[in-house]
Amino acid sequence: MVELQDFDMASHLRNEEEIQLYLNEVLQEDNVELILSALGDIAKARNMSQIARDAGVTREGLYKALSGKGNPSFATVLKVMKALNLSFEVKQSYA
């Protein structure tokens, strides 16, 4: 029997272009849990402890908030985005 290892997306986010492509793809899904989880993957790829310090939250709190099961405030999401040097862009939706 072959034993499968857990897939860790954070280990595949090696540069800014990959991070942007990943997050933009996830944002198209309109799934809040998935978006939060993707931000968690990006934070892990960039050093979760440092991102937590920069966002002004505890490391444990950040893991929980970005687990996909957390419910962070929009203010926390914005702080995390800033700590990750990422921003949202608004454009007209034609869906």
PDB file of N, CA and C in Angstrom:
ATOM      1  N   MET A   1       0.842  -1.171   0.000  1.00  0.00           N
ATOM      2  CA  MET A   1       0.000   0.000   0.000  1.00  0.00           C
ATOM      3  C   MET A   1       0.897   1.248   0.000  1.00  0.00           C
ATOM      4  N   VAL A   2       0.545   2.212  -0.806  1.00  0.00           N
ATOM      5  CA  VAL A   2       1.286   3.460  -0.903  1.00  0.00           C
ATOM      6  C   VAL A   2       0.717   4.453   0.102  1.00  0.00           C
ATOM      7  N   GLU A   3       1.608   5.065   0.871  1.00  0.00           N
ATOM      8  CA  GLU A   3       1.173   6.068   1.834  1.00  0.00           C
ATOM      9  C   GLU A   3       1.301   7.449   1.207  1.00  0.00           C
ATOM     10  N   LEU A   4       0.211   8.182   1.182  1.00  0.00           N
ATOM     11  CA  LEU A   4       0.211   9.522   0.604  1.00  0.00           C
ATOM     12  C   LEU A   4       0.542  10.555   1.668  1.00  0.00           C
ATOM     13  N   GLN A   5       1.300  11.564   1.275  1.00  0.00           N
ATOM     14  CA  GLN A   5       1.622  12.655   2.184  1.00  0.00           C
ATOM     15  C   GLN A   5       0.622  13.782   1.987  1.00  0.00           C
ATOM     16  N   ASP A   6       0.395  14.549   3.054  1.00  0.00           N
ATOM     17  CA  ASP A   6      -0.474  15.714   2.948  1.00  0.00           C
ATOM     18  C   ASP A   6       0.150  16.718   1.988  1.00  0.00           C
ATOM     19  N   PHE A   7      -0.694  17.337   1.183  1.00  0.00           N
ATOM     20  CA  PHE A   7      -0.239  18.352   0.244  1.00  0.00           C
ATOM     21  C   PHE A   7      -0.123  19.676   0.983  1.00  0.00           C
ATOM     22  N   ASP A   8       1.017  20.340   0.865  1.00  0.00           N
ATOM     23  CA  ASP A   8       1.252  21.624   1.512  1.00  0.00           C
ATOM     24  C   ASP A   8       1.457  22.683   0.439  1.00  0.00           C
ATOM     25  N   MET A   9       0.411  23.454   0.158  1.00  0.00           N
ATOM     26  CA  MET A   9       0.475  24.475  -0.882  1.00  0.00           C
ATOM     27  C   MET A   9       1.567  25.495  -0.609  1.00  0.00           C
ATOM     28  N   ALA A  10       1.802  25.821   0.659  1.00  0.00           N
ATOM     29  CA  ALA A  10       2.793  26.839   1.011  1.00  0.00           C
ATOM     30  C   ALA A  10       4.178  26.505   0.454  1.00  0.00           C
ATOM     31  N   SER A  11       4.507  25.232   0.375  1.00  0.00           N
ATOM     32  CA  SER A  11       5.828  24.843  -0.129  1.00  0.00           C
ATOM     33  C   SER A  11       5.959  25.045  -1.637  1.00  0.00           C
ATOM     34  N   HIS A  12       4.840  25.291  -2.310  1.00  0.00           N
ATOM     35  CA  HIS A  12       4.855  25.497  -3.761  1.00  0.00           C
ATOM     36  C   HIS A  12       4.772  26.974  -4.141  1.00  0.00           C
ATOM     37  N   LEU A  13       4.634  27.837  -3.152  1.00  0.00           N
ATOM     38  CA  LEU A  13       4.559  29.276  -3.410  1.00  0.00           C
ATOM     39  C   LEU A  13       5.954  29.864  -3.215  1.00  0.00           C
ATOM     40  N   ARG A  14       6.729  29.846  -4.281  1.00  0.00           N
ATOM     41  CA  ARG A  14       8.143  30.183  -4.183  1.00  0.00           C
ATOM     42  C   ARG A  14       8.478  31.628  -4.549  1.00  0.00           C
ATOM     43  N   ASN A  15       7.571  32.340  -5.202  1.00  0.00           N
ATOM     44  CA  ASN A  15       7.880  33.724  -5.579  1.00  0.00           C
ATOM     45  C   ASN A  15       6.591  34.539  -5.650  1.00  0.00           C
ATOM     46  N   GLU A  16       6.752  35.834  -5.835  1.00  0.00           N
ATOM     47  CA  GLU A  16       5.600  36.743  -5.826  1.00  0.00           C
ATOM     48  C   GLU A  16       4.610  36.444  -6.947  1.00  0.00           C
ATOM     49  N   GLU A  17       5.101  36.079  -8.104  1.00  0.00           N
ATOM     50  CA  GLU A  17       4.212  35.779  -9.229  1.00  0.00           C
ATOM     51  C   GLU A  17       3.327  34.571  -8.912  1.00  0.00           C
ATOM     52  N   GLU A  18       3.904  33.519  -8.347  1.00  0.00           N
ATOM     53  CA  GLU A  18       3.117  32.335  -7.996  1.00  0.00           C
ATOM     54  C   GLU A  18       2.067  32.665  -6.933  1.00  0.00           C
ATOM     55  N   ILE A  19       2.453  33.502  -5.971  1.00  0.00           N
ATOM     56  CA  ILE A  19       1.525  33.904  -4.916  1.00  0.00           C
ATOM     57  C   ILE A  19       0.358  34.683  -5.506  1.00  0.00           C
ATOM     58  N   GLN A  20       0.634  35.632  -6.377  1.00  0.00           N
ATOM     59  CA  GLN A  20      -0.422  36.431  -6.995  1.00  0.00           C
ATOM     60  C   GLN A  20      -1.340  35.573  -7.859  1.00  0.00           C
ATOM     61  N   LEU A  21      -0.766  34.688  -8.649  1.00  0.00           N
ATOM     62  CA  LEU A  21      -1.586  33.810  -9.495  1.00  0.00           C
ATOM     63  C   LEU A  21      -2.487  32.920  -8.644  1.00  0.00           C
ATOM     64  N   TYR A  22      -1.924  32.370  -7.589  1.00  0.00           N
ATOM     65  CA  TYR A  22      -2.680  31.492  -6.690  1.00  0.00           C
ATOM     66  C   TYR A  22      -3.849  32.244  -6.054  1.00  0.00           C
ATOM     67  N   LEU A  23      -3.569  33.402  -5.464  1.00  0.00           N
ATOM     68  CA  LEU A  23      -4.631  34.136  -4.784  1.00  0.00           C
ATOM     69  C   LEU A  23      -5.685  34.628  -5.766  1.00  0.00           C
ATOM     70  N   ASN A  24      -5.287  35.101  -6.914  1.00  0.00           N
ATOM     71  CA  ASN A  24      -6.272  35.547  -7.906  1.00  0.00           C
ATOM     72  C   ASN A  24      -7.162  34.401  -8.373  1.00  0.00           C
ATOM     73  N   GLU A  25      -6.592  33.230  -8.523  1.00  0.00           N
ATOM     74  CA  GLU A  25      -7.387  32.058  -8.919  1.00  0.00           C
ATOM     75  C   GLU A  25      -8.391  31.697  -7.829  1.00  0.00           C
ATOM     76  N   VAL A  26      -7.945  31.707  -6.590  1.00  0.00           N
ATOM     77  CA  VAL A  26      -8.822  31.374  -5.466  1.00  0.00           C
ATOM     78  C   VAL A  26      -9.932  32.414  -5.317  1.00  0.00           C
ATOM     79  N   LEU A  27      -9.612  33.688  -5.521  1.00  0.00           N
ATOM     80  CA  LEU A  27     -10.624  34.738  -5.389  1.00  0.00           C
ATOM     81  C   LEU A  27     -11.778  34.555  -6.368  1.00  0.00           C
ATOM     82  N   GLN A  28     -11.525  33.936  -7.493  1.00  0.00           N
ATOM     83  CA  GLN A  28     -12.576  33.711  -8.491  1.00  0.00           C
ATOM     84  C   GLN A  28     -13.605  32.683  -8.033  1.00  0.00           C
ATOM     85  N   GLU A  29     -13.278  31.907  -7.022  1.00  0.00           N
ATOM     86  CA  GLU A  29     -14.180  30.865  -6.533  1.00  0.00           C
ATOM     87  C   GLU A  29     -15.302  31.407  -5.654  1.00  0.00           C
ATOM     88  N   ASP A  30     -15.185  32.649  -5.187  1.00  0.00           N
ATOM     89  CA  ASP A  30     -16.199  33.243  -4.298  1.00  0.00           C
ATOM     90  C   ASP A  30     -16.497  32.368  -3.080  1.00  0.00           C
ATOM     91  N   ASN A  31     -15.451  31.796  -2.504  1.00  0.00           N
ATOM     92  CA  ASN A  31     -15.591  30.910  -1.351  1.00  0.00           C
ATOM     93  C   ASN A  31     -14.737  31.488  -0.220  1.00  0.00           C
ATOM     94  N   VAL A  32     -15.380  32.059   0.789  1.00  0.00           N
ATOM     95  CA  VAL A  32     -14.677  32.746   1.868  1.00  0.00           C
ATOM     96  C   VAL A  32     -13.689  31.827   2.572  1.00  0.00           C
ATOM     97  N   GLU A  33     -14.118  30.610   2.886  1.00  0.00           N
ATOM     98  CA  GLU A  33     -13.229  29.676   3.585  1.00  0.00           C
ATOM     99  C   GLU A  33     -11.983  29.381   2.755  1.00  0.00           C
ATOM    100  N   LEU A  34     -12.165  29.216   1.457  1.00  0.00           N
ATOM    101  CA  LEU A  34     -11.040  28.937   0.568  1.00  0.00           C
ATOM    102  C   LEU A  34     -10.100  30.135   0.478  1.00  0.00           C
ATOM    103  N   ILE A  35     -10.651  31.333   0.431  1.00  0.00           N
ATOM    104  CA  ILE A  35      -9.835  32.553   0.368  1.00  0.00           C
ATOM    105  C   ILE A  35      -9.016  32.701   1.643  1.00  0.00           C
ATOM    106  N   LEU A  36      -9.651  32.495   2.794  1.00  0.00           N
ATOM    107  CA  LEU A  36      -8.919  32.589   4.060  1.00  0.00           C
ATOM    108  C   LEU A  36      -7.831  31.529   4.143  1.00  0.00           C
ATOM    109  N   SER A  37      -8.148  30.342   3.701  1.00  0.00           N
ATOM    110  CA  SER A  37      -7.161  29.262   3.697  1.00  0.00           C
ATOM    111  C   SER A  37      -5.985  29.604   2.774  1.00  0.00           C
ATOM    112  N   ALA A  38      -6.271  30.203   1.625  1.00  0.00           N
ATOM    113  CA  ALA A  38      -5.204  30.604   0.694  1.00  0.00           C
ATOM    114  C   ALA A  38      -4.322  31.672   1.325  1.00  0.00           C
ATOM    115  N   LEU A  39      -4.923  32.627   2.030  1.00  0.00           N
ATOM    116  CA  LEU A  39      -4.116  33.628   2.733  1.00  0.00           C
ATOM    117  C   LEU A  39      -3.234  32.950   3.782  1.00  0.00           C
ATOM    118  N   GLY A  40      -3.764  31.912   4.424  1.00  0.00           N
ATOM    119  CA  GLY A  40      -2.964  31.138   5.372  1.00  0.00           C
ATOM    120  C   GLY A  40      -1.795  30.446   4.691  1.00  0.00           C
ATOM    121  N   ASP A  41      -2.032  29.885   3.514  1.00  0.00           N
ATOM    122  CA  ASP A  41      -0.947  29.249   2.752  1.00  0.00           C
ATOM    123  C   ASP A  41       0.141  30.266   2.424  1.00  0.00           C
ATOM    124  N   ILE A  42      -0.275  31.452   2.016  1.00  0.00           N
ATOM    125  CA  ILE A  42       0.686  32.499   1.656  1.00  0.00           C
ATOM    126  C   ILE A  42       1.453  32.954   2.890  1.00  0.00           C
ATOM    127  N   ALA A  43       0.752  33.122   4.015  1.00  0.00           N
ATOM    128  CA  ALA A  43       1.421  33.515   5.256  1.00  0.00           C
ATOM    129  C   ALA A  43       2.440  32.459   5.681  1.00  0.00           C
ATOM    130  N   LYS A  44       2.090  31.182   5.539  1.00  0.00           N
ATOM    131  CA  LYS A  44       3.045  30.108   5.859  1.00  0.00           C
ATOM    132  C   LYS A  44       4.255  30.173   4.952  1.00  0.00           C
ATOM    133  N   ALA A  45       4.024  30.428   3.676  1.00  0.00           N
ATOM    134  CA  ALA A  45       5.130  30.499   2.719  1.00  0.00           C
ATOM    135  C   ALA A  45       6.065  31.660   3.022  1.00  0.00           C
ATOM    136  N   ARG A  46       5.542  32.703   3.647  1.00  0.00           N
ATOM    137  CA  ARG A  46       6.329  33.908   3.905  1.00  0.00           C
ATOM    138  C   ARG A  46       6.792  34.040   5.346  1.00  0.00           C
ATOM    139  N   ASN A  47       6.497  33.119   6.217  1.00  0.00           N
ATOM    140  CA  ASN A  47       6.883  33.128   7.628  1.00  0.00           C
ATOM    141  C   ASN A  47       5.709  33.607   8.482  1.00  0.00           C
ATOM    142  N   MET A  48       4.919  32.674   8.917  1.00  0.00           N
ATOM    143  CA  MET A  48       3.696  32.951   9.678  1.00  0.00           C
ATOM    144  C   MET A  48       3.971  33.817  10.907  1.00  0.00           C
ATOM    145  N   SER A  49       5.053  33.554  11.621  1.00  0.00           N
ATOM    146  CA  SER A  49       5.346  34.328  12.833  1.00  0.00           C
ATOM    147  C   SER A  49       5.569  35.798  12.515  1.00  0.00           C
ATOM    148  N   GLN A  50       6.304  36.073  11.467  1.00  0.00           N
ATOM    149  CA  GLN A  50       6.577  37.463  11.086  1.00  0.00           C
ATOM    150  C   GLN A  50       5.304  38.144  10.596  1.00  0.00           C
ATOM    151  N   ILE A  51       4.490  37.447   9.818  1.00  0.00           N
ATOM    152  CA  ILE A  51       3.241  38.021   9.322  1.00  0.00           C
ATOM    153  C   ILE A  51       2.322  38.340  10.496  1.00  0.00           C
ATOM    154  N   ALA A  52       2.259  37.455  11.486  1.00  0.00           N
ATOM    155  CA  ALA A  52       1.432  37.693  12.673  1.00  0.00           C
ATOM    156  C   ALA A  52       1.906  38.948  13.402  1.00  0.00           C
ATOM    157  N   ARG A  53       3.212  39.083  13.597  1.00  0.00           N
ATOM    158  CA  ARG A  53       3.748  40.281  14.258  1.00  0.00           C
ATOM    159  C   ARG A  53       3.392  41.536  13.464  1.00  0.00           C
ATOM    160  N   ASP A  54       3.597  41.480  12.150  1.00  0.00           N
ATOM    161  CA  ASP A  54       3.319  42.646  11.300  1.00  0.00           C
ATOM    162  C   ASP A  54       1.838  43.012  11.282  1.00  0.00           C
ATOM    163  N   ALA A  55       0.976  42.013  11.421  1.00  0.00           N
ATOM    164  CA  ALA A  55      -0.471  42.250  11.409  1.00  0.00           C
ATOM    165  C   ALA A  55      -1.014  42.584  12.799  1.00  0.00           C
ATOM    166  N   GLY A  56      -0.176  42.424  13.820  1.00  0.00           N
ATOM    167  CA  GLY A  56      -0.599  42.739  15.180  1.00  0.00           C
ATOM    168  C   GLY A  56      -1.501  41.704  15.811  1.00  0.00           C
ATOM    169  N   VAL A  57      -1.310  40.441  15.440  1.00  0.00           N
ATOM    170  CA  VAL A  57      -2.081  39.345  16.027  1.00  0.00           C
ATOM    171  C   VAL A  57      -1.109  38.264  16.493  1.00  0.00           C
ATOM    172  N   THR A  58      -1.609  37.355  17.327  1.00  0.00           N
ATOM    173  CA  THR A  58      -0.753  36.257  17.753  1.00  0.00           C
ATOM    174  C   THR A  58      -0.612  35.243  16.614  1.00  0.00           C
ATOM    175  N   ARG A  59       0.452  34.490  16.664  1.00  0.00           N
ATOM    176  CA  ARG A  59       0.675  33.451  15.650  1.00  0.00           C
ATOM    177  C   ARG A  59      -0.468  32.444  15.677  1.00  0.00           C
ATOM    178  N   GLU A  60      -0.855  32.021  16.879  1.00  0.00           N
ATOM    179  CA  GLU A  60      -1.947  31.062  17.023  1.00  0.00           C
ATOM    180  C   GLU A  60      -3.258  31.643  16.506  1.00  0.00           C
ATOM    181  N   GLY A  61      -3.490  32.928  16.823  1.00  0.00           N
ATOM    182  CA  GLY A  61      -4.698  33.590  16.352  1.00  0.00           C
ATOM    183  C   GLY A  61      -4.738  33.683  14.839  1.00  0.00           C
ATOM    184  N   LEU A  62      -3.571  33.920  14.240  1.00  0.00           N
ATOM    185  CA  LEU A  62      -3.508  34.008  12.784  1.00  0.00           C
ATOM    186  C   LEU A  62      -3.762  32.644  12.142  1.00  0.00           C
ATOM    187  N   TYR A  63      -3.165  31.593  12.707  1.00  0.00           N
ATOM    188  CA  TYR A  63      -3.439  30.245  12.196  1.00  0.00           C
ATOM    189  C   TYR A  63      -4.935  29.949  12.244  1.00  0.00           C
ATOM    190  N   LYS A  64      -5.572  30.284  13.370  1.00  0.00           N
ATOM    191  CA  LYS A  64      -6.998  30.013  13.521  1.00  0.00           C
ATOM    192  C   LYS A  64      -7.811  30.840  12.532  1.00  0.00           C
ATOM    193  N   ALA A  65      -7.503  32.129  12.425  1.00  0.00           N
ATOM    194  CA  ALA A  65      -8.260  33.021  11.542  1.00  0.00           C
ATOM    195  C   ALA A  65      -8.176  32.585  10.089  1.00  0.00           C
ATOM    196  N   LEU A  66      -7.001  32.064   9.681  1.00  0.00           N
ATOM    197  CA  LEU A  66      -6.776  31.715   8.276  1.00  0.00           C
ATOM    198  C   LEU A  66      -6.873  30.218   8.013  1.00  0.00           C
ATOM    199  N   SER A  67      -7.474  29.502   8.934  1.00  0.00           N
ATOM    200  CA  SER A  67      -7.584  28.049   8.782  1.00  0.00           C
ATOM    201  C   SER A  67      -8.652  27.650   7.767  1.00  0.00           C
ATOM    202  N   GLY A  68      -9.489  28.596   7.369  1.00  0.00           N
ATOM    203  CA  GLY A  68     -10.623  28.256   6.533  1.00  0.00           C
ATOM    204  C   GLY A  68     -11.863  28.000   7.370  1.00  0.00           C
ATOM    205  N   LYS A  69     -11.654  27.796   8.671  1.00  0.00           N
ATOM    206  CA  LYS A  69     -12.756  27.592   9.594  1.00  0.00           C
ATOM    207  C   LYS A  69     -12.890  28.771  10.550  1.00  0.00           C
ATOM    208  N   GLY A  70     -11.920  29.682  10.508  1.00  0.00           N
ATOM    209  CA  GLY A  70     -11.966  30.872  11.358  1.00  0.00           C
ATOM    210  C   GLY A  70     -12.938  31.886  10.801  1.00  0.00           C
ATOM    211  N   ASN A  71     -13.179  32.925  11.581  1.00  0.00           N
ATOM    212  CA  ASN A  71     -14.096  33.976  11.160  1.00  0.00           C
ATOM    213  C   ASN A  71     -13.486  35.336  11.509  1.00  0.00           C
ATOM    214  N   PRO A  72     -12.368  35.687  10.855  1.00  0.00           N
ATOM    215  CA  PRO A  72     -11.709  36.945  11.202  1.00  0.00           C
ATOM    216  C   PRO A  72     -12.531  38.141  10.733  1.00  0.00           C
ATOM    217  N   SER A  73     -12.332  39.250  11.408  1.00  0.00           N
ATOM    218  CA  SER A  73     -12.991  40.479  10.963  1.00  0.00           C
ATOM    219  C   SER A  73     -12.344  40.939   9.657  1.00  0.00           C
ATOM    220  N   PHE A  74     -13.062  41.789   8.937  1.00  0.00           N
ATOM    221  CA  PHE A  74     -12.507  42.322   7.701  1.00  0.00           C
ATOM    222  C   PHE A  74     -11.268  43.151   8.011  1.00  0.00           C
ATOM    223  N   ALA A  75     -11.262  43.826   9.157  1.00  0.00           N
ATOM    224  CA  ALA A  75     -10.089  44.606   9.565  1.00  0.00           C
ATOM    225  C   ALA A  75      -8.869  43.698   9.716  1.00  0.00           C
ATOM    226  N   THR A  76      -9.064  42.515  10.279  1.00  0.00           N
ATOM    227  CA  THR A  76      -7.947  41.566  10.417  1.00  0.00           C
ATOM    228  C   THR A  76      -7.467  41.103   9.049  1.00  0.00           C
ATOM    229  N   VAL A  77      -8.394  40.821   8.148  1.00  0.00           N
ATOM    230  CA  VAL A  77      -8.011  40.403   6.798  1.00  0.00           C
ATOM    231  C   VAL A  77      -7.197  41.509   6.127  1.00  0.00           C
ATOM    232  N   LEU A  78      -7.623  42.748   6.278  1.00  0.00           N
ATOM    233  CA  LEU A  78      -6.880  43.864   5.687  1.00  0.00           C
ATOM    234  C   LEU A  78      -5.484  44.002   6.289  1.00  0.00           C
ATOM    235  N   LYS A  79      -5.362  43.803   7.609  1.00  0.00           N
ATOM    236  CA  LYS A  79      -4.051  43.861   8.269  1.00  0.00           C
ATOM    237  C   LYS A  79      -3.138  42.752   7.737  1.00  0.00           C
ATOM    238  N   VAL A  80      -3.695  41.564   7.562  1.00  0.00           N
ATOM    239  CA  VAL A  80      -2.916  40.439   7.038  1.00  0.00           C
ATOM    240  C   VAL A  80      -2.485  40.727   5.601  1.00  0.00           C
ATOM    241  N   MET A  81      -3.418  41.229   4.790  1.00  0.00           N
ATOM    242  CA  MET A  81      -3.078  41.575   3.397  1.00  0.00           C
ATOM    243  C   MET A  81      -1.939  42.591   3.366  1.00  0.00           C
ATOM    244  N   LYS A  82      -2.015  43.595   4.233  1.00  0.00           N
ATOM    245  CA  LYS A  82      -0.947  44.603   4.285  1.00  0.00           C
ATOM    246  C   LYS A  82       0.378  43.967   4.715  1.00  0.00           C
ATOM    247  N   ALA A  83       0.327  43.106   5.725  1.00  0.00           N
ATOM    248  CA  ALA A  83       1.533  42.428   6.192  1.00  0.00           C
ATOM    249  C   ALA A  83       2.137  41.540   5.098  1.00  0.00           C
ATOM    250  N   LEU A  84       1.288  41.020   4.206  1.00  0.00           N
ATOM    251  CA  LEU A  84       1.745  40.181   3.100  1.00  0.00           C
ATOM    252  C   LEU A  84       2.150  41.014   1.874  1.00  0.00           C
ATOM    253  N   ASN A  85       2.029  42.342   2.001  1.00  0.00           N
ATOM    254  CA  ASN A  85       2.302  43.251   0.877  1.00  0.00           C
ATOM    255  C   ASN A  85       1.405  42.948  -0.319  1.00  0.00           C
ATOM    256  N   LEU A  86       0.148  42.654  -0.024  1.00  0.00           N
ATOM    257  CA  LEU A  86      -0.851  42.391  -1.052  1.00  0.00           C
ATOM    258  C   LEU A  86      -1.984  43.390  -0.902  1.00  0.00           C
ATOM    259  N   SER A  87      -2.728  43.622  -1.973  1.00  0.00           N
ATOM    260  CA  SER A  87      -3.876  44.518  -1.905  1.00  0.00           C
ATOM    261  C   SER A  87      -4.985  43.992  -2.797  1.00  0.00           C
ATOM    262  N   PHE A  88      -6.186  44.435  -2.491  1.00  0.00           N
ATOM    263  CA  PHE A  88      -7.338  44.102  -3.324  1.00  0.00           C
ATOM    264  C   PHE A  88      -7.468  45.151  -4.421  1.00  0.00           C
ATOM    265  N   GLU A  89      -7.999  44.732  -5.539  1.00  0.00           N
ATOM    266  CA  GLU A  89      -8.294  45.654  -6.626  1.00  0.00           C
ATOM    267  C   GLU A  89      -9.750  45.450  -7.026  1.00  0.00           C
ATOM    268  N   VAL A  90     -10.471  46.530  -7.158  1.00  0.00           N
ATOM    269  CA  VAL A  90     -11.887  46.449  -7.505  1.00  0.00           C
ATOM    270  C   VAL A  90     -12.064  46.733  -8.985  1.00  0.00           C
ATOM    271  N   LYS A  91     -12.872  45.903  -9.632  1.00  0.00           N
ATOM    272  CA  LYS A  91     -13.200  46.134 -11.044  1.00  0.00           C
ATOM    273  C   LYS A  91     -14.628  45.679 -11.274  1.00  0.00           C
ATOM    274  N   GLN A  92     -15.207  46.143 -12.332  1.00  0.00           N
ATOM    275  CA  GLN A  92     -16.579  45.792 -12.695  1.00  0.00           C
ATOM    276  C   GLN A  92     -16.690  44.296 -12.943  1.00  0.00           C
ATOM    277  N   SER A  93     -17.728  43.687 -12.398  1.00  0.00           N
ATOM    278  CA  SER A  93     -17.963  42.262 -12.604  1.00  0.00           C
ATOM    279  C   SER A  93     -19.028  42.087 -13.673  1.00  0.00           C
ATOM    280  N   TYR A  94     -18.779  41.191 -14.591  1.00  0.00           N
ATOM    281  CA  TYR A  94     -19.727  40.927 -15.674  1.00  0.00           C
ATOM    282  C   TYR A  94     -20.282  39.508 -15.591  1.00  0.00           C
ATOM    283  N   ALA A  95     -20.393  39.010 -14.383  1.00  0.00           N
ATOM    284  CA  ALA A  95     -20.869  37.637 -14.195  1.00  0.00           C
ATOM    285  C   ALA A  95     -22.353  37.513 -14.349  1.00  0.00           C
TER     286      ALA A  95
END
